[in-house]
Amino acid sequence: MAATTVPEHYRNAVIAHVMIDGAANAIDFYSKAFGAEELFRLGQPDGRILHAEISIQGSTIMLGDAEGPIFAAPTGLGGTTVGLHAFVDDVDALAQRAVAAGAELLQPPTDQFHGDRTAILRDPYGHVWVLLTHVEDLTPDEIARRAQALITES
């Protein structure tokens, strides 16, 4: 069964707005690592970014410099509670590109039970990225069956 690389129900997903210490440098990194295109930038007089938007293969992400006490960067918290999922055309190539640009590979590209080939990386700003290429259309029942088989094996 042929599959599209980005399932239709993920095309209009919630837009992440990530807070970063050094947003301008992060935009440069995301351009090198993921081929991100800068869509918009609203800078402050001190060079910090109040708000910016980038696109990674059609997925929009908002970002800006962390401004306490409401927003903090993961580096200031010792980790993150959010993973940024992005469906891409070629997870293997993009993961390789991201690592070459300085991302840490946490999980190499691997075919998963849910029908996606997935890699997990941490960028230099503390954000965890889950990059996916959809390779197989599955019913929810088939995904559940495969998940149960994995649980039973372990």
N, C-alpha and C. Protein backbone atom coordinates (compact mmCIF):
# COMPACT_ATOMS: atom_id res chain seq x y z
N MET A 1 0.86 -1.19 0.00
CA MET A 1 0.00 0.00 0.00
C MET A 1 0.90 1.24 0.00
N ALA A 2 0.66 2.14 -0.93
CA ALA A 2 1.45 3.38 -1.01
C ALA A 2 1.09 4.31 0.14
N ALA A 3 2.07 5.01 0.63
CA ALA A 3 1.86 5.94 1.74
C ALA A 3 2.41 7.31 1.36
N THR A 4 1.76 8.37 1.85
CA THR A 4 2.31 9.71 1.67
C THR A 4 3.32 9.95 2.78
N THR A 5 4.26 10.85 2.57
CA THR A 5 5.30 11.09 3.58
C THR A 5 4.78 11.90 4.76
N VAL A 6 3.69 12.64 4.59
CA VAL A 6 3.07 13.39 5.69
C VAL A 6 1.58 13.07 5.67
N PRO A 7 1.12 12.30 6.67
CA PRO A 7 -0.30 11.98 6.70
C PRO A 7 -1.16 13.25 6.76
N GLU A 8 -2.27 13.24 6.05
CA GLU A 8 -3.14 14.42 5.95
C GLU A 8 -3.56 14.97 7.31
N HIS A 9 -3.85 14.10 8.28
CA HIS A 9 -4.34 14.58 9.58
C HIS A 9 -3.25 15.27 10.41
N TYR A 10 -1.99 15.27 9.95
CA TYR A 10 -0.95 16.03 10.64
C TYR A 10 -0.62 17.34 9.95
N ARG A 11 -1.24 17.62 8.83
CA ARG A 11 -0.91 18.84 8.09
C ARG A 11 -1.36 20.11 8.81
N ASN A 12 -2.37 20.05 9.62
CA ASN A 12 -2.87 21.22 10.33
C ASN A 12 -2.77 20.98 11.84
N ALA A 13 -1.58 20.72 12.30
CA ALA A 13 -1.35 20.39 13.70
C ALA A 13 -1.15 21.66 14.53
N VAL A 14 -1.15 21.50 15.85
CA VAL A 14 -0.85 22.60 16.76
C VAL A 14 0.56 23.09 16.45
N ILE A 15 0.75 24.39 16.43
CA ILE A 15 2.06 24.96 16.11
C ILE A 15 2.86 25.15 17.39
N ALA A 16 4.02 24.55 17.42
CA ALA A 16 4.91 24.72 18.57
C ALA A 16 5.47 26.13 18.58
N HIS A 17 5.64 26.67 19.78
CA HIS A 17 6.28 27.97 19.99
C HIS A 17 7.36 27.72 21.03
N VAL A 18 8.59 27.54 20.58
CA VAL A 18 9.67 27.16 21.48
C VAL A 18 10.44 28.38 21.95
N MET A 19 10.85 28.31 23.19
CA MET A 19 11.62 29.39 23.80
C MET A 19 13.06 28.94 23.91
N ILE A 20 13.98 29.83 23.54
CA ILE A 20 15.38 29.47 23.37
C ILE A 20 16.25 30.57 23.95
N ASP A 21 17.37 30.18 24.57
CA ASP A 21 18.41 31.14 24.90
C ASP A 21 19.30 31.25 23.67
N GLY A 22 19.17 32.36 22.94
CA GLY A 22 19.94 32.54 21.71
C GLY A 22 19.15 32.19 20.47
N ALA A 23 17.95 32.74 20.33
CA ALA A 23 17.05 32.40 19.23
C ALA A 23 17.65 32.71 17.86
N ALA A 24 18.38 33.79 17.72
CA ALA A 24 18.98 34.12 16.42
C ALA A 24 19.97 33.04 15.99
N ASN A 25 20.80 32.58 16.93
CA ASN A 25 21.73 31.49 16.62
C ASN A 25 20.97 30.20 16.32
N ALA A 26 19.86 29.99 17.03
CA ALA A 26 19.06 28.78 16.80
C ALA A 26 18.47 28.78 15.39
N ILE A 27 18.03 29.92 14.91
CA ILE A 27 17.50 29.99 13.54
C ILE A 27 18.59 29.60 12.54
N ASP A 28 19.81 30.08 12.76
CA ASP A 28 20.93 29.68 11.90
C ASP A 28 21.15 28.17 11.97
N PHE A 29 21.12 27.62 13.18
CA PHE A 29 21.31 26.17 13.35
C PHE A 29 20.20 25.39 12.63
N TYR A 30 18.95 25.80 12.83
CA TYR A 30 17.84 25.07 12.20
C TYR A 30 17.92 25.15 10.67
N SER A 31 18.46 26.25 10.15
CA SER A 31 18.65 26.35 8.71
C SER A 31 19.68 25.33 8.23
N LYS A 32 20.79 25.22 8.97
CA LYS A 32 21.83 24.27 8.59
C LYS A 32 21.39 22.83 8.83
N ALA A 33 20.78 22.58 9.99
CA ALA A 33 20.45 21.21 10.39
C ALA A 33 19.24 20.64 9.65
N PHE A 34 18.20 21.46 9.49
CA PHE A 34 16.93 20.96 8.96
C PHE A 34 16.52 21.62 7.64
N GLY A 35 17.34 22.54 7.14
CA GLY A 35 16.95 23.26 5.94
C GLY A 35 15.81 24.23 6.18
N ALA A 36 15.69 24.72 7.41
CA ALA A 36 14.60 25.63 7.78
C ALA A 36 14.68 26.92 6.98
N GLU A 37 13.51 27.42 6.65
CA GLU A 37 13.38 28.70 5.97
C GLU A 37 12.78 29.70 6.95
N GLU A 38 13.45 30.83 7.13
CA GLU A 38 12.91 31.86 8.02
C GLU A 38 11.75 32.57 7.32
N LEU A 39 10.60 32.61 8.00
CA LEU A 39 9.41 33.23 7.45
C LEU A 39 9.19 34.65 7.96
N PHE A 40 9.60 34.89 9.22
CA PHE A 40 9.27 36.16 9.86
C PHE A 40 10.17 36.32 11.07
N ARG A 41 10.57 37.56 11.36
CA ARG A 41 11.35 37.84 12.56
C ARG A 41 11.00 39.21 13.09
N LEU A 42 10.71 39.28 14.38
CA LEU A 42 10.47 40.54 15.07
C LEU A 42 11.54 40.66 16.14
N GLY A 43 12.54 41.48 15.86
CA GLY A 43 13.67 41.63 16.76
C GLY A 43 13.47 42.74 17.77
N GLN A 44 14.27 42.67 18.82
CA GLN A 44 14.29 43.71 19.83
C GLN A 44 15.58 44.52 19.65
N PRO A 45 15.63 45.73 20.20
CA PRO A 45 16.83 46.57 20.01
C PRO A 45 18.12 45.91 20.50
N ASP A 46 18.04 45.02 21.51
CA ASP A 46 19.24 44.37 22.03
C ASP A 46 19.67 43.15 21.22
N GLY A 47 18.98 42.88 20.11
CA GLY A 47 19.33 41.76 19.25
C GLY A 47 18.58 40.47 19.55
N ARG A 48 17.89 40.46 20.67
CA ARG A 48 17.10 39.26 21.00
C ARG A 48 15.86 39.23 20.11
N ILE A 49 15.28 38.06 19.98
CA ILE A 49 14.11 37.89 19.12
C ILE A 49 12.87 37.79 19.98
N LEU A 50 11.94 38.70 19.74
CA LEU A 50 10.65 38.65 20.42
C LEU A 50 9.81 37.53 19.84
N HIS A 51 9.79 37.42 18.51
CA HIS A 51 9.00 36.38 17.85
C HIS A 51 9.57 36.16 16.45
N ALA A 52 9.68 34.88 16.09
CA ALA A 52 10.10 34.51 14.73
C ALA A 52 9.34 33.26 14.33
N GLU A 53 9.28 33.03 13.03
CA GLU A 53 8.66 31.81 12.52
C GLU A 53 9.58 31.23 11.46
N ILE A 54 9.72 29.90 11.51
CA ILE A 54 10.49 29.19 10.51
C ILE A 54 9.63 28.06 9.96
N SER A 55 10.02 27.58 8.79
CA SER A 55 9.33 26.46 8.18
C SER A 55 10.34 25.36 7.90
N ILE A 56 9.99 24.15 8.32
CA ILE A 56 10.81 22.97 8.03
C ILE A 56 9.96 22.04 7.18
N GLN A 57 10.25 22.01 5.89
CA GLN A 57 9.51 21.19 4.93
C GLN A 57 8.00 21.40 5.07
N GLY A 58 7.60 22.66 5.22
CA GLY A 58 6.18 22.99 5.27
C GLY A 58 5.58 23.04 6.66
N SER A 59 6.31 22.60 7.69
CA SER A 59 5.82 22.66 9.07
C SER A 59 6.32 23.95 9.70
N THR A 60 5.40 24.76 10.20
CA THR A 60 5.76 26.04 10.81
C THR A 60 6.03 25.87 12.29
N ILE A 61 7.10 26.51 12.76
CA ILE A 61 7.44 26.53 14.18
C ILE A 61 7.70 27.98 14.55
N MET A 62 7.15 28.39 15.67
CA MET A 62 7.38 29.73 16.19
C MET A 62 8.48 29.63 17.24
N LEU A 63 9.28 30.70 17.36
CA LEU A 63 10.32 30.69 18.38
C LEU A 63 10.68 32.09 18.78
N GLY A 64 11.33 32.19 19.91
CA GLY A 64 11.79 33.47 20.43
C GLY A 64 12.74 33.25 21.58
N ASP A 65 13.38 34.33 22.00
CA ASP A 65 14.26 34.24 23.16
C ASP A 65 13.43 34.08 24.42
N ALA A 66 13.90 33.22 25.31
CA ALA A 66 13.20 32.93 26.57
C ALA A 66 13.12 34.20 27.41
N GLU A 67 11.95 34.45 27.94
CA GLU A 67 11.70 35.63 28.78
C GLU A 67 11.03 35.15 30.06
N GLY A 68 11.76 35.08 31.17
CA GLY A 68 11.17 34.65 32.45
C GLY A 68 10.24 35.70 32.99
N PRO A 69 9.36 35.39 33.90
CA PRO A 69 9.24 34.11 34.58
C PRO A 69 8.27 33.14 33.89
N ILE A 70 7.61 33.55 32.83
CA ILE A 70 6.62 32.67 32.21
C ILE A 70 7.28 31.63 31.32
N PHE A 71 8.22 32.03 30.48
CA PHE A 71 8.85 31.12 29.54
C PHE A 71 10.32 30.91 29.89
N ALA A 72 10.74 29.66 29.84
CA ALA A 72 12.14 29.32 30.08
C ALA A 72 12.61 28.39 28.98
N ALA A 73 13.89 28.43 28.69
CA ALA A 73 14.49 27.52 27.72
C ALA A 73 14.79 26.19 28.40
N PRO A 74 14.76 25.08 27.66
CA PRO A 74 15.07 23.78 28.26
C PRO A 74 16.45 23.75 28.92
N THR A 75 17.40 24.49 28.38
CA THR A 75 18.74 24.51 28.96
C THR A 75 18.73 25.09 30.37
N GLY A 76 17.79 25.97 30.67
CA GLY A 76 17.67 26.54 32.00
C GLY A 76 16.89 25.66 32.96
N LEU A 77 16.22 24.66 32.42
CA LEU A 77 15.41 23.76 33.24
C LEU A 77 16.06 22.40 33.46
N GLY A 78 17.14 22.14 32.76
CA GLY A 78 17.78 20.84 32.86
C GLY A 78 17.12 19.78 32.00
N GLY A 79 16.30 20.17 31.05
CA GLY A 79 15.63 19.22 30.15
C GLY A 79 14.36 19.82 29.61
N THR A 80 13.61 19.02 28.89
CA THR A 80 12.37 19.51 28.29
C THR A 80 11.25 18.51 28.52
N THR A 81 10.04 18.99 28.54
CA THR A 81 8.88 18.11 28.69
C THR A 81 8.15 17.93 27.37
N VAL A 82 8.68 18.51 26.30
CA VAL A 82 8.00 18.49 25.00
C VAL A 82 8.94 17.95 23.93
N GLY A 83 8.42 17.06 23.11
CA GLY A 83 9.15 16.62 21.93
C GLY A 83 8.52 17.26 20.71
N LEU A 84 9.33 17.79 19.82
CA LEU A 84 8.84 18.44 18.61
C LEU A 84 8.81 17.41 17.48
N HIS A 85 7.62 17.00 17.07
CA HIS A 85 7.47 16.03 15.99
C HIS A 85 7.33 16.76 14.66
N ALA A 86 8.10 16.33 13.68
CA ALA A 86 7.99 16.91 12.35
C ALA A 86 8.07 15.77 11.32
N PHE A 87 7.04 15.68 10.49
CA PHE A 87 7.06 14.73 9.39
C PHE A 87 7.87 15.34 8.25
N VAL A 88 8.82 14.56 7.73
CA VAL A 88 9.72 15.03 6.68
C VAL A 88 9.77 14.01 5.56
N ASP A 89 10.29 14.43 4.41
CA ASP A 89 10.33 13.55 3.25
C ASP A 89 11.36 12.42 3.39
N ASP A 90 12.49 12.67 4.05
CA ASP A 90 13.56 11.68 4.14
C ASP A 90 14.23 11.80 5.51
N VAL A 91 13.74 11.03 6.47
CA VAL A 91 14.23 11.12 7.84
C VAL A 91 15.71 10.76 7.94
N ASP A 92 16.16 9.80 7.14
CA ASP A 92 17.56 9.39 7.20
C ASP A 92 18.48 10.55 6.81
N ALA A 93 18.19 11.18 5.69
CA ALA A 93 19.02 12.28 5.20
C ALA A 93 18.97 13.47 6.15
N LEU A 94 17.79 13.80 6.66
CA LEU A 94 17.68 14.96 7.54
C LEU A 94 18.35 14.71 8.88
N ALA A 95 18.25 13.51 9.42
CA ALA A 95 18.94 13.19 10.67
C ALA A 95 20.45 13.30 10.49
N GLN A 96 20.95 12.80 9.38
CA GLN A 96 22.38 12.89 9.08
C GLN A 96 22.81 14.36 8.97
N ARG A 97 22.01 15.16 8.30
CA ARG A 97 22.31 16.58 8.14
C ARG A 97 22.31 17.29 9.50
N ALA A 98 21.33 16.97 10.35
CA ALA A 98 21.23 17.59 11.67
C ALA A 98 22.42 17.24 12.54
N VAL A 99 22.84 15.99 12.52
CA VAL A 99 24.01 15.57 13.30
C VAL A 99 25.25 16.30 12.80
N ALA A 100 25.41 16.41 11.50
CA ALA A 100 26.56 17.13 10.94
C ALA A 100 26.57 18.59 11.38
N ALA A 101 25.38 19.17 11.62
CA ALA A 101 25.28 20.56 12.04
C ALA A 101 25.44 20.73 13.55
N GLY A 102 25.45 19.62 14.30
CA GLY A 102 25.67 19.71 15.74
C GLY A 102 24.58 19.14 16.62
N ALA A 103 23.56 18.52 16.06
CA ALA A 103 22.52 17.88 16.87
C ALA A 103 23.06 16.57 17.44
N GLU A 104 22.53 16.17 18.58
CA GLU A 104 22.89 14.90 19.20
C GLU A 104 21.86 13.85 18.80
N LEU A 105 22.32 12.76 18.23
CA LEU A 105 21.43 11.67 17.81
C LEU A 105 21.11 10.81 19.02
N LEU A 106 19.83 10.82 19.42
CA LEU A 106 19.39 10.01 20.56
C LEU A 106 18.88 8.65 20.11
N GLN A 107 18.28 8.59 18.94
CA GLN A 107 17.81 7.32 18.35
C GLN A 107 18.00 7.41 16.84
N PRO A 108 18.77 6.51 16.26
CA PRO A 108 18.96 6.56 14.81
C PRO A 108 17.65 6.25 14.08
N PRO A 109 17.56 6.62 12.79
CA PRO A 109 16.36 6.33 12.02
C PRO A 109 16.04 4.83 12.07
N THR A 110 14.80 4.54 12.47
CA THR A 110 14.36 3.17 12.66
C THR A 110 12.90 3.05 12.25
N ASP A 111 12.56 1.97 11.54
CA ASP A 111 11.17 1.70 11.22
C ASP A 111 10.44 1.34 12.50
N GLN A 112 9.28 1.98 12.73
CA GLN A 112 8.53 1.78 13.96
C GLN A 112 7.22 1.04 13.70
N PHE A 113 6.67 0.47 14.75
CA PHE A 113 5.43 -0.31 14.67
C PHE A 113 4.25 0.51 14.16
N HIS A 114 4.30 1.83 14.29
CA HIS A 114 3.17 2.69 13.92
C HIS A 114 3.19 3.12 12.46
N GLY A 115 4.17 2.59 11.69
CA GLY A 115 4.19 2.87 10.26
C GLY A 115 5.04 4.05 9.85
N ASP A 116 5.85 4.55 10.76
CA ASP A 116 6.72 5.68 10.47
C ASP A 116 8.17 5.28 10.71
N ARG A 117 9.07 5.80 9.91
CA ARG A 117 10.50 5.67 10.16
C ARG A 117 10.87 6.90 10.98
N THR A 118 11.50 6.69 12.13
CA THR A 118 11.64 7.74 13.13
C THR A 118 13.07 7.87 13.61
N ALA A 119 13.52 9.11 13.79
CA ALA A 119 14.80 9.42 14.43
C ALA A 119 14.53 10.44 15.53
N ILE A 120 15.30 10.38 16.61
CA ILE A 120 15.15 11.34 17.70
C ILE A 120 16.49 12.03 17.93
N LEU A 121 16.45 13.37 17.99
CA LEU A 121 17.66 14.17 18.16
C LEU A 121 17.43 15.25 19.22
N ARG A 122 18.53 15.72 19.82
CA ARG A 122 18.48 16.88 20.71
C ARG A 122 19.30 17.98 20.06
N ASP A 123 18.69 19.16 19.93
CA ASP A 123 19.44 20.27 19.34
C ASP A 123 20.30 20.93 20.41
N PRO A 124 21.24 21.80 20.02
CA PRO A 124 22.13 22.43 20.99
C PRO A 124 21.41 23.34 21.99
N TYR A 125 20.13 23.60 21.77
CA TYR A 125 19.36 24.50 22.65
C TYR A 125 18.49 23.72 23.62
N GLY A 126 18.61 22.38 23.62
CA GLY A 126 17.91 21.54 24.57
C GLY A 126 16.59 20.96 24.10
N HIS A 127 16.15 21.31 22.89
CA HIS A 127 14.88 20.79 22.39
C HIS A 127 15.08 19.42 21.76
N VAL A 128 14.13 18.52 22.01
CA VAL A 128 14.16 17.18 21.46
C VAL A 128 13.25 17.14 20.23
N TRP A 129 13.81 16.65 19.12
CA TRP A 129 13.10 16.57 17.85
C TRP A 129 12.85 15.11 17.51
N VAL A 130 11.61 14.81 17.15
CA VAL A 130 11.24 13.49 16.66
C VAL A 130 10.91 13.68 15.18
N LEU A 131 11.81 13.23 14.33
CA LEU A 131 11.63 13.37 12.89
C LEU A 131 11.05 12.06 12.36
N LEU A 132 10.03 12.16 11.52
CA LEU A 132 9.34 10.98 11.02
C LEU A 132 9.11 11.07 9.52
N THR A 133 9.25 9.93 8.85
CA THR A 133 8.81 9.78 7.48
C THR A 133 7.78 8.66 7.49
N HIS A 134 6.59 8.97 7.03
CA HIS A 134 5.51 7.98 7.02
C HIS A 134 5.78 6.99 5.89
N VAL A 135 5.82 5.70 6.23
CA VAL A 135 6.14 4.68 5.22
C VAL A 135 5.03 3.66 5.01
N GLU A 136 4.05 3.64 5.91
CA GLU A 136 3.03 2.60 5.82
C GLU A 136 1.71 3.10 6.43
N ASP A 137 0.64 3.01 5.67
CA ASP A 137 -0.69 3.36 6.19
C ASP A 137 -1.24 2.17 6.97
N LEU A 138 -1.61 2.40 8.22
CA LEU A 138 -2.12 1.34 9.08
C LEU A 138 -3.42 1.77 9.74
N THR A 139 -4.26 0.81 10.05
CA THR A 139 -5.48 1.10 10.81
C THR A 139 -5.10 1.21 12.28
N PRO A 140 -5.91 1.90 13.07
CA PRO A 140 -5.64 1.93 14.52
C PRO A 140 -5.58 0.53 15.14
N ASP A 141 -6.39 -0.39 14.65
CA ASP A 141 -6.35 -1.76 15.18
C ASP A 141 -5.01 -2.43 14.90
N GLU A 142 -4.47 -2.21 13.70
CA GLU A 142 -3.17 -2.81 13.36
C GLU A 142 -2.05 -2.19 14.18
N ILE A 143 -2.11 -0.90 14.41
CA ILE A 143 -1.10 -0.25 15.26
C ILE A 143 -1.17 -0.83 16.68
N ALA A 144 -2.37 -0.97 17.20
CA ALA A 144 -2.54 -1.53 18.55
C ALA A 144 -2.03 -2.97 18.60
N ARG A 145 -2.31 -3.77 17.57
CA ARG A 145 -1.86 -5.16 17.53
C ARG A 145 -0.33 -5.21 17.54
N ARG A 146 0.31 -4.36 16.73
CA ARG A 146 1.76 -4.33 16.68
C ARG A 146 2.37 -3.86 18.00
N ALA A 147 1.75 -2.86 18.61
CA ALA A 147 2.22 -2.36 19.91
C ALA A 147 2.14 -3.47 20.96
N GLN A 148 1.03 -4.18 20.98
CA GLN A 148 0.86 -5.27 21.93
C GLN A 148 1.90 -6.36 21.70
N ALA A 149 2.21 -6.66 20.45
CA ALA A 149 3.23 -7.66 20.14
C ALA A 149 4.58 -7.23 20.68
N LEU A 150 4.91 -5.96 20.59
CA LEU A 150 6.17 -5.46 21.13
C LEU A 150 6.20 -5.58 22.65
N ILE A 151 5.10 -5.27 23.29
CA ILE A 151 5.02 -5.37 24.76
C ILE A 151 5.19 -6.82 25.19
N THR A 152 4.56 -7.72 24.47
CA THR A 152 4.63 -9.14 24.79
C THR A 152 6.05 -9.67 24.61
N GLU A 153 6.76 -9.18 23.59
CA GLU A 153 8.13 -9.61 23.34
C GLU A 153 9.09 -9.19 24.44
N SER A 154 8.83 -8.03 25.08
CA SER A 154 9.77 -7.52 26.07
C SER A 154 9.49 -7.98 27.44
